[in-house]
């Protein structure tokens, strides 16, 4: 009896998952001319200046090479 309940729960879960994926397909359309939302800058000072000028937030990603087998953040 418990095994049948587990099978039914799994079936309902899989059905709901597939239904959610199919429902989301209509919303996954790409824009013809999408606006540039993320701009990458290699220079922090210029990136900060542009963010201040355009009143937009920044997302800072920092990286360093590995040192003695300890990987950096890339």
N, C-alpha and C. Protein backbone atom coordinates (compact mmCIF):
# COMPACT_ATOMS: atom_id res chain seq x y z
N UNK A 1 0.83 -1.19 0.00
CA UNK A 1 0.00 0.00 0.00
C UNK A 1 0.87 1.25 0.00
N UNK A 2 1.90 1.29 0.87
CA UNK A 2 2.78 2.47 0.94
C UNK A 2 3.53 2.63 -0.37
N UNK A 3 3.92 1.53 -0.97
CA UNK A 3 4.65 1.59 -2.24
C UNK A 3 3.78 2.23 -3.33
N UNK A 4 2.50 1.90 -3.37
CA UNK A 4 1.59 2.48 -4.36
C UNK A 4 1.44 3.98 -4.15
N UNK A 5 1.43 4.40 -2.90
CA UNK A 5 1.32 5.83 -2.60
C UNK A 5 2.56 6.55 -3.10
N UNK A 6 3.75 5.96 -2.88
CA UNK A 6 4.99 6.57 -3.36
C UNK A 6 5.00 6.69 -4.87
N UNK A 7 4.53 5.67 -5.57
CA UNK A 7 4.47 5.70 -7.03
C UNK A 7 3.52 6.79 -7.48
N UNK A 8 2.37 6.91 -6.82
CA UNK A 8 1.40 7.94 -7.19
C UNK A 8 1.95 9.34 -6.94
N UNK A 9 2.65 9.53 -5.83
CA UNK A 9 3.24 10.83 -5.52
C UNK A 9 4.28 11.19 -6.57
N UNK A 10 5.11 10.21 -6.94
CA UNK A 10 6.12 10.45 -7.97
C UNK A 10 5.47 10.79 -9.31
N UNK A 11 4.41 10.08 -9.66
CA UNK A 11 3.71 10.34 -10.92
C UNK A 11 3.12 11.74 -10.94
N UNK A 12 2.51 12.14 -9.86
CA UNK A 12 1.93 13.48 -9.77
C UNK A 12 3.03 14.53 -9.85
N UNK A 13 4.14 14.29 -9.19
CA UNK A 13 5.26 15.24 -9.22
C UNK A 13 5.81 15.38 -10.64
N UNK A 14 6.03 14.26 -11.32
CA UNK A 14 6.55 14.30 -12.69
C UNK A 14 5.56 15.00 -13.61
N UNK A 15 4.29 14.71 -13.47
CA UNK A 15 3.26 15.35 -14.29
C UNK A 15 3.26 16.87 -14.06
N UNK A 16 3.33 17.28 -12.80
CA UNK A 16 3.34 18.72 -12.49
C UNK A 16 4.60 19.38 -13.03
N UNK A 17 5.71 18.70 -12.96
CA UNK A 17 6.97 19.24 -13.48
C UNK A 17 6.89 19.43 -14.99
N UNK A 18 6.40 18.43 -15.70
CA UNK A 18 6.26 18.53 -17.16
C UNK A 18 5.26 19.61 -17.52
N UNK A 19 4.16 19.68 -16.81
CA UNK A 19 3.15 20.70 -17.07
C UNK A 19 3.73 22.10 -16.88
N UNK A 20 4.51 22.28 -15.83
CA UNK A 20 5.15 23.58 -15.60
C UNK A 20 6.13 23.94 -16.69
N UNK A 21 6.87 22.96 -17.17
CA UNK A 21 7.83 23.22 -18.25
C UNK A 21 7.10 23.61 -19.54
N UNK A 22 6.03 22.90 -19.85
CA UNK A 22 5.27 23.20 -21.06
C UNK A 22 4.62 24.58 -20.94
N UNK A 23 4.11 24.91 -19.78
CA UNK A 23 3.47 26.21 -19.58
C UNK A 23 4.49 27.34 -19.73
N UNK A 24 5.73 27.10 -19.34
CA UNK A 24 6.75 28.13 -19.43
C UNK A 24 7.33 28.31 -20.81
N UNK A 25 7.07 27.38 -21.73
CA UNK A 25 7.64 27.49 -23.07
C UNK A 25 7.16 28.73 -23.81
N UNK A 26 5.93 29.12 -23.59
CA UNK A 26 5.40 30.30 -24.27
C UNK A 26 6.08 31.58 -23.83
N UNK A 27 6.68 31.60 -22.67
CA UNK A 27 7.31 32.80 -22.14
C UNK A 27 8.78 32.88 -22.47
N UNK A 28 9.33 31.88 -23.14
CA UNK A 28 10.76 31.83 -23.44
C UNK A 28 11.06 32.32 -24.85
N UNK A 29 10.44 33.37 -25.25
CA UNK A 29 10.68 33.92 -26.58
C UNK A 29 11.80 34.94 -26.50
N UNK A 30 12.68 34.88 -27.48
CA UNK A 30 13.77 35.86 -27.49
C UNK A 30 13.29 37.13 -28.20
N UNK A 31 13.83 38.23 -27.77
CA UNK A 31 13.48 39.50 -28.38
C UNK A 31 14.21 39.65 -29.70
N UNK A 32 13.60 40.38 -30.64
CA UNK A 32 14.24 40.58 -31.93
C UNK A 32 15.47 41.47 -31.80
N UNK A 33 15.36 42.56 -31.08
CA UNK A 33 16.47 43.47 -30.83
C UNK A 33 16.57 43.73 -29.33
N UNK A 34 17.12 42.78 -28.60
CA UNK A 34 17.15 42.95 -27.15
C UNK A 34 18.06 44.11 -26.72
N UNK A 35 17.64 44.80 -25.70
CA UNK A 35 18.45 45.88 -25.15
C UNK A 35 19.66 45.28 -24.44
N UNK A 36 20.76 45.99 -24.47
CA UNK A 36 21.96 45.51 -23.80
C UNK A 36 21.78 45.72 -22.31
N UNK A 37 21.65 44.62 -21.58
CA UNK A 37 21.36 44.70 -20.15
C UNK A 37 22.61 44.61 -19.29
N UNK A 38 23.60 43.87 -19.76
CA UNK A 38 24.83 43.72 -18.99
C UNK A 38 25.99 44.20 -19.84
N UNK A 39 26.77 45.09 -19.29
CA UNK A 39 27.94 45.61 -19.98
C UNK A 39 29.15 45.27 -19.13
N UNK A 40 30.13 44.63 -19.73
CA UNK A 40 31.34 44.23 -19.02
C UNK A 40 32.42 45.27 -19.22
N UNK A 41 33.08 45.66 -18.14
CA UNK A 41 34.19 46.61 -18.20
C UNK A 41 35.40 45.99 -17.51
N UNK A 42 36.55 46.13 -18.15
CA UNK A 42 37.77 45.59 -17.56
C UNK A 42 38.43 46.59 -16.61
N UNK A 43 37.97 47.83 -16.63
CA UNK A 43 38.56 48.88 -15.82
C UNK A 43 37.54 49.36 -14.80
N UNK A 44 37.84 49.22 -13.51
CA UNK A 44 36.90 49.58 -12.45
C UNK A 44 36.55 51.06 -12.46
N UNK A 45 37.55 51.92 -12.63
CA UNK A 45 37.28 53.36 -12.59
C UNK A 45 36.33 53.78 -13.70
N UNK A 46 36.55 53.28 -14.92
CA UNK A 46 35.65 53.64 -16.03
C UNK A 46 34.26 53.05 -15.83
N UNK A 47 34.20 51.83 -15.31
CA UNK A 47 32.90 51.21 -15.04
C UNK A 47 32.11 51.97 -13.98
N UNK A 48 32.79 52.39 -12.92
CA UNK A 48 32.12 53.18 -11.87
C UNK A 48 31.66 54.53 -12.41
N UNK A 49 32.49 55.15 -13.24
CA UNK A 49 32.12 56.46 -13.81
C UNK A 49 30.88 56.32 -14.69
N UNK A 50 30.84 55.28 -15.51
CA UNK A 50 29.68 55.07 -16.38
C UNK A 50 28.43 54.74 -15.57
N UNK A 51 28.58 53.94 -14.52
CA UNK A 51 27.44 53.61 -13.67
C UNK A 51 26.89 54.86 -12.99
N UNK A 52 27.77 55.73 -12.55
CA UNK A 52 27.33 56.98 -11.92
C UNK A 52 26.65 57.88 -12.93
N UNK A 53 27.21 57.96 -14.14
CA UNK A 53 26.65 58.81 -15.19
C UNK A 53 25.27 58.33 -15.63
N UNK A 54 25.08 57.03 -15.73
CA UNK A 54 23.81 56.48 -16.20
C UNK A 54 22.87 56.09 -15.06
N UNK A 55 23.31 56.31 -13.82
CA UNK A 55 22.50 55.99 -12.63
C UNK A 55 22.08 54.51 -12.61
N UNK A 56 23.05 53.64 -12.90
CA UNK A 56 22.79 52.20 -12.90
C UNK A 56 23.67 51.53 -11.85
N UNK A 57 23.22 50.41 -11.30
CA UNK A 57 24.03 49.70 -10.31
C UNK A 57 25.18 48.95 -10.98
N UNK A 58 26.14 48.53 -10.16
CA UNK A 58 27.24 47.72 -10.68
C UNK A 58 27.24 46.37 -9.98
N UNK A 59 27.82 45.40 -10.64
CA UNK A 59 28.05 44.07 -10.07
C UNK A 59 29.53 43.79 -10.27
N UNK A 60 30.27 43.78 -9.19
CA UNK A 60 31.71 43.62 -9.25
C UNK A 60 32.09 42.15 -9.12
N UNK A 61 32.85 41.66 -10.10
CA UNK A 61 33.38 40.31 -10.06
C UNK A 61 34.89 40.43 -10.03
N UNK A 62 35.49 39.85 -9.03
CA UNK A 62 36.94 39.94 -8.87
C UNK A 62 37.55 38.56 -9.05
N UNK A 63 38.76 38.51 -9.56
CA UNK A 63 39.41 37.23 -9.76
C UNK A 63 40.89 37.32 -9.45
N UNK A 64 41.46 36.18 -9.15
CA UNK A 64 42.90 36.10 -8.88
C UNK A 64 43.39 34.74 -9.33
N UNK A 65 44.63 34.67 -9.79
CA UNK A 65 45.16 33.37 -10.19
C UNK A 65 45.37 32.46 -8.98
N UNK A 66 45.48 31.19 -9.23
CA UNK A 66 45.67 30.26 -8.11
C UNK A 66 47.07 30.42 -7.53
N UNK A 67 47.16 30.14 -6.25
CA UNK A 67 48.43 30.27 -5.54
C UNK A 67 48.65 29.02 -4.71
N UNK A 68 49.67 28.28 -5.00
CA UNK A 68 50.02 27.06 -4.26
C UNK A 68 48.86 26.05 -4.24
N UNK A 69 48.18 25.92 -5.37
CA UNK A 69 47.12 24.92 -5.46
C UNK A 69 45.78 25.37 -4.91
N UNK A 70 45.68 26.60 -4.41
CA UNK A 70 44.41 27.12 -3.92
C UNK A 70 43.82 27.98 -5.02
N UNK A 71 42.69 27.55 -5.62
CA UNK A 71 42.15 28.31 -6.75
C UNK A 71 41.60 29.67 -6.31
N UNK A 72 41.67 30.62 -7.23
CA UNK A 72 41.11 31.95 -6.98
C UNK A 72 39.64 31.98 -7.36
N UNK A 73 39.03 33.11 -7.27
CA UNK A 73 37.63 33.31 -7.64
C UNK A 73 37.61 33.87 -9.05
N UNK A 74 36.97 33.17 -9.97
CA UNK A 74 36.90 33.65 -11.35
C UNK A 74 35.48 33.87 -11.74
